N, C-alpha and C. Protein backbone atom coordinates (compact mmCIF):
# COMPACT_ATOMS: atom_id res chain seq x y z
N UNK A 1 0.64 -1.44 0.07
CA UNK A 1 -0.34 0.65 -0.04
C UNK A 1 1.47 1.08 -0.19
N UNK A 2 2.12 1.34 0.81
CA UNK A 2 2.92 2.77 0.77
C UNK A 2 3.75 2.72 -0.40
N UNK A 3 3.52 1.33 -1.13
CA UNK A 3 4.71 2.22 -2.73
C UNK A 3 4.12 2.01 -3.55
N UNK A 4 2.56 2.01 -3.65
CA UNK A 4 1.19 2.52 -4.48
C UNK A 4 1.20 4.11 -4.28
N UNK A 5 1.49 4.33 -2.60
CA UNK A 5 0.68 5.54 -2.63
C UNK A 5 2.22 6.27 -2.87
N UNK A 6 2.91 5.85 -2.91
CA UNK A 6 3.79 7.36 -3.41
C UNK A 6 4.30 6.97 -4.59
N UNK A 7 3.91 5.80 -5.52
CA UNK A 7 3.43 5.38 -6.83
C UNK A 7 2.59 6.47 -7.46
N UNK A 8 2.05 6.75 -6.26
CA UNK A 8 0.40 7.70 -6.99
C UNK A 8 0.88 9.16 -6.82
N UNK A 9 1.61 9.61 -6.15
CA UNK A 9 2.03 10.76 -5.05
C UNK A 9 2.34 10.91 -6.84
N UNK A 10 4.13 10.53 -7.20
CA UNK A 10 4.96 10.74 -7.92
C UNK A 10 3.69 10.70 -9.50
N UNK A 11 3.14 10.22 -9.55
CA UNK A 11 2.49 10.53 -10.75
C UNK A 11 1.82 11.56 -10.56
N UNK A 12 1.10 11.77 -9.60
CA UNK A 12 0.28 13.01 -8.96
C UNK A 12 0.63 14.25 -9.69
N UNK A 13 3.02 14.20 -9.50
CA UNK A 13 3.72 15.02 -9.22
C UNK A 13 3.68 15.35 -10.59
N UNK A 14 4.10 14.12 -11.97
CA UNK A 14 4.41 14.20 -13.36
C UNK A 14 2.85 15.18 -13.63
N UNK A 15 1.66 14.68 -13.32
CA UNK A 15 0.72 15.29 -14.00
C UNK A 15 0.60 16.13 -14.14
N UNK A 16 0.46 16.96 -12.61
CA UNK A 16 0.88 18.47 -11.93
C UNK A 16 1.88 19.33 -12.94
N UNK A 17 2.72 18.84 -13.40
CA UNK A 17 4.24 19.95 -14.09
C UNK A 17 3.98 20.37 -14.89
N UNK A 18 3.81 21.86 -15.68
CA UNK A 18 3.82 22.22 -16.93
C UNK A 18 3.83 21.76 -17.77
N UNK A 19 3.69 21.42 -19.25
CA UNK A 19 4.54 21.16 -20.05
C UNK A 19 5.20 21.97 -20.78
N UNK A 20 5.13 23.63 -20.66
CA UNK A 20 5.06 24.03 -21.35
C UNK A 20 7.07 24.21 -21.41
N UNK A 21 7.71 23.97 -23.11
CA UNK A 21 8.69 24.08 -22.63
C UNK A 21 9.80 23.81 -21.93
N UNK A 22 9.32 22.44 -21.47
CA UNK A 22 10.28 21.64 -20.79
C UNK A 22 9.90 22.24 -19.38
N UNK A 23 9.29 23.30 -18.89
CA UNK A 23 9.57 24.26 -17.68
C UNK A 23 9.10 23.07 -16.16
N UNK A 24 9.59 23.27 -15.32
CA UNK A 24 9.67 22.14 -14.43
C UNK A 24 8.75 23.68 -12.65
N UNK A 25 7.40 24.14 -13.19
CA UNK A 25 6.28 24.65 -12.46
C UNK A 25 5.52 23.44 -12.04
N UNK A 26 5.60 23.11 -10.80
CA UNK A 26 4.84 22.54 -10.14
C UNK A 26 3.69 22.88 -9.61
N UNK A 27 1.95 22.88 -10.03
CA UNK A 27 1.34 24.06 -9.47
C UNK A 27 1.30 25.39 -9.43
N UNK A 28 2.02 26.88 -9.94
CA UNK A 28 1.52 27.87 -10.02
C UNK A 28 3.09 28.57 -9.34
N UNK A 29 3.83 26.94 -8.90
CA UNK A 29 5.08 27.85 -8.37
C UNK A 29 6.56 26.86 -8.22
N UNK A 30 7.26 27.18 -8.31
CA UNK A 30 9.21 26.43 -8.84
C UNK A 30 9.43 25.95 -6.90
N UNK A 31 9.21 24.55 -6.96
CA UNK A 31 9.64 23.57 -6.68
C UNK A 31 11.15 23.23 -6.23
N UNK A 32 12.06 23.31 -5.08
CA UNK A 32 13.50 23.04 -5.75
C UNK A 32 13.39 21.26 -4.51
N UNK A 33 14.45 20.94 -5.29
CA UNK A 33 15.04 20.07 -5.04
C UNK A 33 14.46 19.64 -3.63
N UNK A 34 15.48 20.33 -2.56
CA UNK A 34 15.67 20.06 -1.37
C UNK A 34 14.22 20.30 -0.30
N UNK A 35 13.46 20.98 -0.74
CA UNK A 35 12.13 20.87 -0.75
C UNK A 35 11.55 19.82 -0.34
N UNK A 36 12.16 18.64 -1.47
CA UNK A 36 11.38 17.70 -1.30
C UNK A 36 11.60 15.70 -1.68
N UNK A 37 10.75 15.53 -1.61
CA UNK A 37 10.81 13.50 -0.99
C UNK A 37 11.49 13.06 -2.21
N UNK A 38 12.59 11.97 -1.42
CA UNK A 38 13.00 12.19 -2.70
C UNK A 38 12.99 10.94 -4.47
N UNK A 39 12.22 10.74 -4.52
CA UNK A 39 11.15 10.66 -5.68
C UNK A 39 10.35 11.49 -6.88
N UNK A 40 10.32 12.32 -5.43
CA UNK A 40 10.16 13.66 -6.28
C UNK A 40 11.26 14.86 -7.06
N UNK A 41 12.13 14.67 -6.23
CA UNK A 41 13.54 15.39 -6.63
C UNK A 41 13.89 14.72 -7.88
N UNK A 42 13.69 12.92 -7.62
CA UNK A 42 14.30 12.52 -8.89
C UNK A 42 14.12 12.78 -10.02
N UNK A 43 12.32 12.97 -10.15
CA UNK A 43 12.08 13.66 -11.22
C UNK A 43 11.93 14.87 -11.35
N UNK A 44 12.20 15.88 -10.14
CA UNK A 44 12.64 16.91 -11.46
C UNK A 44 13.45 17.01 -11.40
N UNK A 45 14.95 16.34 -10.91
CA UNK A 45 16.29 16.35 -11.46
C UNK A 45 16.58 15.92 -12.96
N UNK A 46 15.96 14.77 -13.76
CA UNK A 46 15.64 13.99 -14.25
C UNK A 46 14.83 14.72 -15.56
N UNK A 47 13.79 15.59 -15.41
CA UNK A 47 13.14 15.94 -16.17
C UNK A 47 14.33 17.44 -16.94
N UNK A 48 14.44 17.85 -15.92
CA UNK A 48 15.66 19.14 -16.35
C UNK A 48 16.79 18.54 -16.29
N UNK A 49 18.04 17.57 -16.83
CA UNK A 49 18.33 17.68 -17.71
C UNK A 49 18.33 16.72 -18.69
N UNK A 50 16.93 16.62 -18.49
CA UNK A 50 16.02 15.56 -19.87
C UNK A 50 16.68 17.05 -21.34
N UNK A 51 16.62 17.98 -21.66
CA UNK A 51 16.42 18.27 -22.64
C UNK A 51 17.89 18.78 -22.57
N UNK A 52 18.18 18.92 -24.48
CA UNK A 52 19.60 17.97 -24.46
C UNK A 52 20.64 20.49 -24.80
N UNK A 53 19.92 21.19 -24.50
CA UNK A 53 20.88 22.70 -24.31
C UNK A 53 21.01 22.28 -23.00
N UNK A 54 20.08 22.02 -21.78
CA UNK A 54 19.93 22.10 -20.65
C UNK A 54 21.83 20.98 -19.96
N UNK A 55 21.40 19.91 -20.86
CA UNK A 55 22.21 18.70 -20.72
C UNK A 55 23.97 19.45 -21.49
N UNK A 56 23.71 20.42 -22.49
CA UNK A 56 25.08 21.20 -22.34
C UNK A 56 24.89 21.84 -22.05
N UNK A 57 23.90 22.47 -20.87
CA UNK A 57 25.47 23.47 -19.60
C UNK A 57 25.88 22.90 -18.42
N UNK A 58 25.23 21.73 -18.52
CA UNK A 58 25.21 21.28 -17.68
C UNK A 58 26.96 21.30 -17.81
N UNK A 59 27.09 20.25 -18.79
CA UNK A 59 28.34 19.78 -19.40
C UNK A 59 29.10 20.61 -19.26
N UNK A 60 29.20 22.04 -20.18
CA UNK A 60 30.57 23.46 -20.15
C UNK A 60 30.57 23.57 -19.14
N UNK A 61 29.44 23.70 -18.12
CA UNK A 61 30.21 24.94 -16.58
C UNK A 61 30.41 23.33 -15.73
N UNK A 62 31.02 21.47 -15.69
CA UNK A 62 32.10 20.62 -15.85
C UNK A 62 33.07 21.72 -16.06
N UNK A 63 33.30 21.59 -17.24
CA UNK A 63 34.54 20.95 -18.23
C UNK A 63 35.03 22.26 -17.79
N UNK A 64 34.05 23.50 -17.71
CA UNK A 64 34.71 25.05 -18.20
C UNK A 64 35.61 25.28 -16.34
N UNK A 65 34.74 24.25 -15.35
CA UNK A 65 35.55 24.31 -14.09
C UNK A 65 35.75 25.60 -13.61
N UNK A 66 34.92 27.15 -13.42
CA UNK A 66 34.84 27.75 -13.11
C UNK A 66 33.60 28.39 -13.23
N UNK A 67 33.09 29.44 -12.63
CA UNK A 67 31.76 30.45 -13.00
C UNK A 67 32.16 31.63 -14.21
N UNK A 68 30.48 30.70 -14.35
CA UNK A 68 30.81 30.91 -16.02
C UNK A 68 29.26 31.66 -15.67
N UNK A 69 29.46 33.62 -17.13
CA UNK A 69 28.55 34.56 -16.85
C UNK A 69 27.57 34.06 -18.32
N UNK A 70 26.60 33.96 -18.34
CA UNK A 70 25.62 33.85 -19.29
C UNK A 70 25.55 34.41 -21.39
N UNK A 71 26.83 35.15 -21.14
CA UNK A 71 27.26 35.81 -21.86
C UNK A 71 27.82 34.40 -22.41
N UNK A 72 28.91 33.60 -21.74
CA UNK A 72 29.99 32.60 -22.43
C UNK A 72 29.63 31.85 -22.65
N UNK A 73 28.55 31.17 -22.39
CA UNK A 73 27.35 30.13 -22.38
C UNK A 73 26.57 30.44 -22.97
N UNK A 74 26.23 32.08 -23.65
CA UNK A 74 25.36 31.84 -25.01
C UNK A 74 26.55 31.82 -26.52
N UNK A 75 27.35 32.52 -26.04
CA UNK A 75 28.52 32.46 -27.42
C UNK A 75 29.46 30.29 -27.40
N UNK A 76 29.02 30.15 -26.53
CA UNK A 76 29.91 28.44 -26.66
C UNK A 76 28.58 27.64 -27.20
N UNK A 77 27.39 28.00 -27.23
CA UNK A 77 26.40 26.97 -27.10
C UNK A 77 25.19 27.15 -29.31
N UNK A 78 25.88 28.64 -28.46
CA UNK A 78 25.04 29.30 -29.60
C UNK A 78 23.62 29.53 -29.92
N UNK A 79 23.34 29.89 -29.06
CA UNK A 79 21.76 29.94 -28.69
C UNK A 79 21.61 31.34 -27.90
N UNK A 80 19.71 31.26 -28.32
CA UNK A 80 19.85 32.69 -27.78
C UNK A 80 19.77 33.08 -26.11
N UNK A 81 19.94 34.05 -25.55
CA UNK A 81 20.57 34.75 -24.24
C UNK A 81 18.78 34.39 -23.51
N UNK A 82 17.94 34.79 -23.85
CA UNK A 82 16.80 34.46 -23.29
C UNK A 82 16.69 32.90 -23.34
N UNK A 83 16.77 31.96 -24.03
CA UNK A 83 17.09 30.76 -24.06
C UNK A 83 17.80 30.30 -22.73
N UNK A 84 19.14 30.86 -22.98
CA UNK A 84 19.95 30.30 -21.86
C UNK A 84 19.49 30.83 -20.63
N UNK A 85 19.04 31.97 -20.37
CA UNK A 85 18.54 32.74 -19.00
C UNK A 85 17.88 31.08 -18.24
N UNK A 86 16.41 31.03 -19.57
CA UNK A 86 15.25 29.96 -18.72
C UNK A 86 16.10 28.58 -18.70
N UNK A 87 16.45 28.31 -19.45
CA UNK A 87 17.10 27.49 -18.79
C UNK A 87 18.26 26.72 -17.52
N UNK A 88 19.02 27.85 -17.66
CA UNK A 88 19.77 28.33 -16.02
C UNK A 88 18.73 28.14 -15.57
N UNK A 89 17.64 28.63 -15.03
CA UNK A 89 16.99 28.90 -14.22
C UNK A 89 16.15 27.76 -13.85
N UNK A 90 15.79 26.71 -14.66
CA UNK A 90 15.68 25.73 -14.10
C UNK A 90 16.12 24.99 -13.92
N UNK A 91 17.87 24.76 -14.34
CA UNK A 91 18.92 23.71 -13.27
C UNK A 91 19.02 24.27 -12.04
N UNK A 92 18.68 25.81 -12.04
CA UNK A 92 19.17 26.13 -10.28
C UNK A 92 17.63 24.99 -9.53
N UNK A 93 16.28 25.71 -10.15
CA UNK A 93 15.47 25.21 -9.45
C UNK A 93 16.24 23.54 -9.20
N UNK A 94 16.58 23.14 -10.17
CA UNK A 94 16.77 21.66 -9.87
C UNK A 94 17.85 21.27 -8.67
N UNK A 95 18.26 22.31 -8.74
CA UNK A 95 18.74 22.06 -7.29
C UNK A 95 20.46 21.20 -8.08
N UNK A 96 20.83 21.87 -9.33
CA UNK A 96 22.64 21.25 -9.60
C UNK A 96 23.25 22.71 -10.25
N UNK A 97 22.46 23.77 -9.58
CA UNK A 97 23.68 25.25 -9.87
C UNK A 97 23.70 25.78 -8.88
N UNK A 98 24.33 26.51 -8.98
CA UNK A 98 23.92 28.27 -7.87
C UNK A 98 24.19 28.97 -8.91
N UNK A 99 24.77 30.26 -8.23
CA UNK A 99 25.15 31.43 -8.98
C UNK A 99 25.10 33.00 -7.97
N UNK A 100 25.96 33.63 -8.26
CA UNK A 100 26.32 34.85 -7.31
C UNK A 100 27.03 35.86 -8.26
N UNK A 101 26.49 37.08 -7.57
CA UNK A 101 26.25 38.31 -8.08
C UNK A 101 27.83 39.05 -8.61
N UNK A 102 28.23 39.24 -9.72
CA UNK A 102 29.38 40.72 -8.89
C UNK A 102 29.14 41.44 -9.67
N UNK A 103 28.26 43.29 -9.40
CA UNK A 103 28.13 43.42 -10.18
C UNK A 103 26.69 43.67 -10.75
N UNK A 104 27.19 43.57 -12.38
CA UNK A 104 25.17 43.76 -13.19
C UNK A 104 25.91 42.07 -13.26
N UNK A 105 27.19 41.41 -13.44
CA UNK A 105 27.05 39.85 -13.84
C UNK A 105 26.61 38.90 -12.66
N UNK A 106 25.58 38.25 -13.69
CA UNK A 106 25.93 36.84 -13.26
C UNK A 106 26.33 35.72 -13.15
N UNK A 107 27.00 35.10 -12.48
CA UNK A 107 27.73 34.40 -12.56
C UNK A 107 27.57 32.63 -11.91
N UNK A 108 26.86 31.86 -13.02
CA UNK A 108 26.29 30.44 -12.65
C UNK A 108 27.82 29.58 -11.91
N UNK A 109 27.23 28.24 -11.53
CA UNK A 109 28.66 27.11 -10.91
C UNK A 109 27.76 25.88 -11.07
N UNK A 110 28.30 24.68 -11.07
CA UNK A 110 27.86 23.69 -10.21
C UNK A 110 28.17 23.73 -8.22
N UNK A 111 26.34 23.61 -8.18
CA UNK A 111 26.80 23.38 -6.38
C UNK A 111 27.41 21.81 -6.30
N UNK A 112 28.32 22.24 -5.61
CA UNK A 112 28.94 21.29 -4.07
C UNK A 112 28.21 20.86 -3.54
N UNK A 113 28.00 19.41 -3.49
CA UNK A 113 26.74 19.15 -2.52
C UNK A 113 27.88 17.35 -2.42
N UNK A 114 27.51 16.99 -0.78
CA UNK A 114 27.89 15.93 -0.48
C UNK A 114 27.19 14.63 -1.12
N UNK A 115 26.57 14.45 -2.07
CA UNK A 115 26.09 13.66 -2.68
C UNK A 115 26.40 12.20 -3.91
N UNK A 116 26.36 10.97 -3.24
CA UNK A 116 27.57 10.35 -4.32
C UNK A 116 26.67 10.92 -5.25
N UNK A 117 25.49 10.27 -4.96
CA UNK A 117 24.72 10.76 -6.46
C UNK A 117 24.76 10.95 -7.75
N UNK A 118 24.74 12.58 -7.33
CA UNK A 118 24.70 14.00 -8.37
C UNK A 118 26.12 13.74 -8.55
N UNK A 119 27.47 12.94 -6.91
CA UNK A 119 28.67 13.08 -7.76
C UNK A 119 29.05 12.19 -9.40
N UNK A 120 28.55 11.73 -9.07
CA UNK A 120 28.37 9.93 -10.19
C UNK A 120 27.79 11.01 -11.62
N UNK A 121 26.68 11.77 -11.60
CA UNK A 121 25.98 12.36 -12.09
C UNK A 121 26.78 12.90 -13.62
N UNK A 122 27.55 14.32 -12.14
CA UNK A 122 28.44 14.61 -12.46
C UNK A 122 28.95 13.79 -14.16
N UNK A 123 29.87 12.86 -12.98
CA UNK A 123 30.97 12.62 -13.87
C UNK A 123 30.48 11.90 -15.40
N UNK A 124 29.48 11.17 -14.88
CA UNK A 124 28.91 11.09 -16.54
C UNK A 124 28.96 11.33 -17.27
N UNK A 125 27.86 13.01 -17.11
CA UNK A 125 27.54 14.06 -18.27
C UNK A 125 29.37 14.65 -18.74
N UNK A 126 30.28 14.37 -18.15
CA UNK A 126 31.47 15.63 -18.37
C UNK A 126 31.98 14.63 -19.11
N UNK A 127 31.82 13.60 -19.71
CA UNK A 127 32.19 12.84 -20.58
C UNK A 127 31.09 12.08 -21.60
N UNK A 128 30.47 13.00 -21.86
CA UNK A 128 29.63 12.99 -23.07
C UNK A 128 30.24 12.87 -23.95
N UNK A 129 30.28 12.24 -25.60
CA UNK A 129 30.45 11.79 -26.17
C UNK A 129 31.22 13.40 -27.23
N UNK A 130 32.49 13.20 -26.90
CA UNK A 130 33.15 14.36 -28.06
C UNK A 130 32.94 14.44 -29.06
N UNK A 131 32.65 13.61 -29.89
CA UNK A 131 32.21 13.53 -31.88
C UNK A 131 30.72 14.90 -31.22
N UNK A 132 29.96 14.19 -30.32
CA UNK A 132 28.69 15.33 -30.24
C UNK A 132 28.86 16.68 -29.82
N UNK A 133 30.15 17.19 -29.11
CA UNK A 133 30.25 18.31 -28.72
C UNK A 133 31.37 18.81 -28.92
N UNK A 134 31.65 18.18 -30.57
CA UNK A 134 33.23 18.89 -30.92
C UNK A 134 33.35 20.37 -30.95
N UNK A 135 31.95 21.35 -31.81
CA UNK A 135 31.96 22.53 -32.37
C UNK A 135 31.70 22.84 -30.45
N UNK A 136 31.14 23.08 -29.98
CA UNK A 136 30.84 23.42 -28.03
C UNK A 136 32.29 23.23 -27.18
N UNK A 137 33.02 22.18 -27.92
CA UNK A 137 34.39 21.99 -27.39
C UNK A 137 35.31 22.87 -27.38
N UNK A 138 35.53 23.30 -28.58
CA UNK A 138 36.59 24.24 -29.44
C UNK A 138 36.08 25.39 -29.32
N UNK A 139 34.74 26.72 -28.67
CA UNK A 139 33.98 27.29 -28.56
C UNK A 139 34.70 27.16 -27.63
N UNK A 140 34.75 26.49 -26.50
CA UNK A 140 34.76 26.64 -24.80
C UNK A 140 35.44 26.53 -24.65
N UNK A 141 37.19 26.04 -25.40
CA UNK A 141 38.51 25.80 -25.33
C UNK A 141 38.63 27.15 -25.58
N UNK A 142 38.27 28.35 -27.04
CA UNK A 142 38.62 29.06 -27.43
C UNK A 142 38.18 30.62 -26.43
N UNK A 143 37.45 30.16 -25.44
CA UNK A 143 36.55 31.01 -24.38
C UNK A 143 37.31 30.68 -22.80
N UNK A 144 38.58 29.56 -23.09
CA UNK A 144 38.71 29.64 -21.82
C UNK A 144 40.92 30.75 -21.52
N UNK A 145 40.85 30.33 -23.36
CA UNK A 145 41.68 30.63 -23.51
C UNK A 145 41.54 32.85 -23.68
N UNK A 146 40.58 33.37 -23.89
CA UNK A 146 40.31 34.47 -24.06
C UNK A 146 40.31 34.59 -22.86
N UNK A 147 39.71 34.44 -21.86
CA UNK A 147 39.34 34.76 -20.01
C UNK A 147 41.50 34.12 -19.87
N UNK A 148 42.04 33.95 -19.92
CA UNK A 148 43.64 34.14 -19.51
C UNK A 148 44.47 35.11 -20.04
N UNK A 149 44.15 35.71 -21.26
CA UNK A 149 45.06 36.65 -21.80
C UNK A 149 43.61 37.50 -21.73
């Protein structure tokens, strides 16, 4: 009975999540992973990673290994700024990213966590097939070189 209830709860959550542009709105408010039971957290997390641009953003932040601003992500991924901002908001609400504001710039970085699961997930994302990410890798290397000069 308890397992059935858990699955029914998960089903209700899935049914409540908005379907507009893969957003993770749950009944008119954003849900953060920390405030939910683990099955629901997993649903939000995997939904956030199920879109290719968001997966590439996580990959980029892992591989740049530093705080990154929206304009750098836009340049590397060649995606409009408003889309990048929307994806960053979803990834932040899923508990994967943190942000810091420095002057007028907002920088994003991978959230530090003690979760073994998230640690393995980051490792898996960081080694996505290079041939599928060749253009992004080249642009990322150019951005890193530009930072040094």
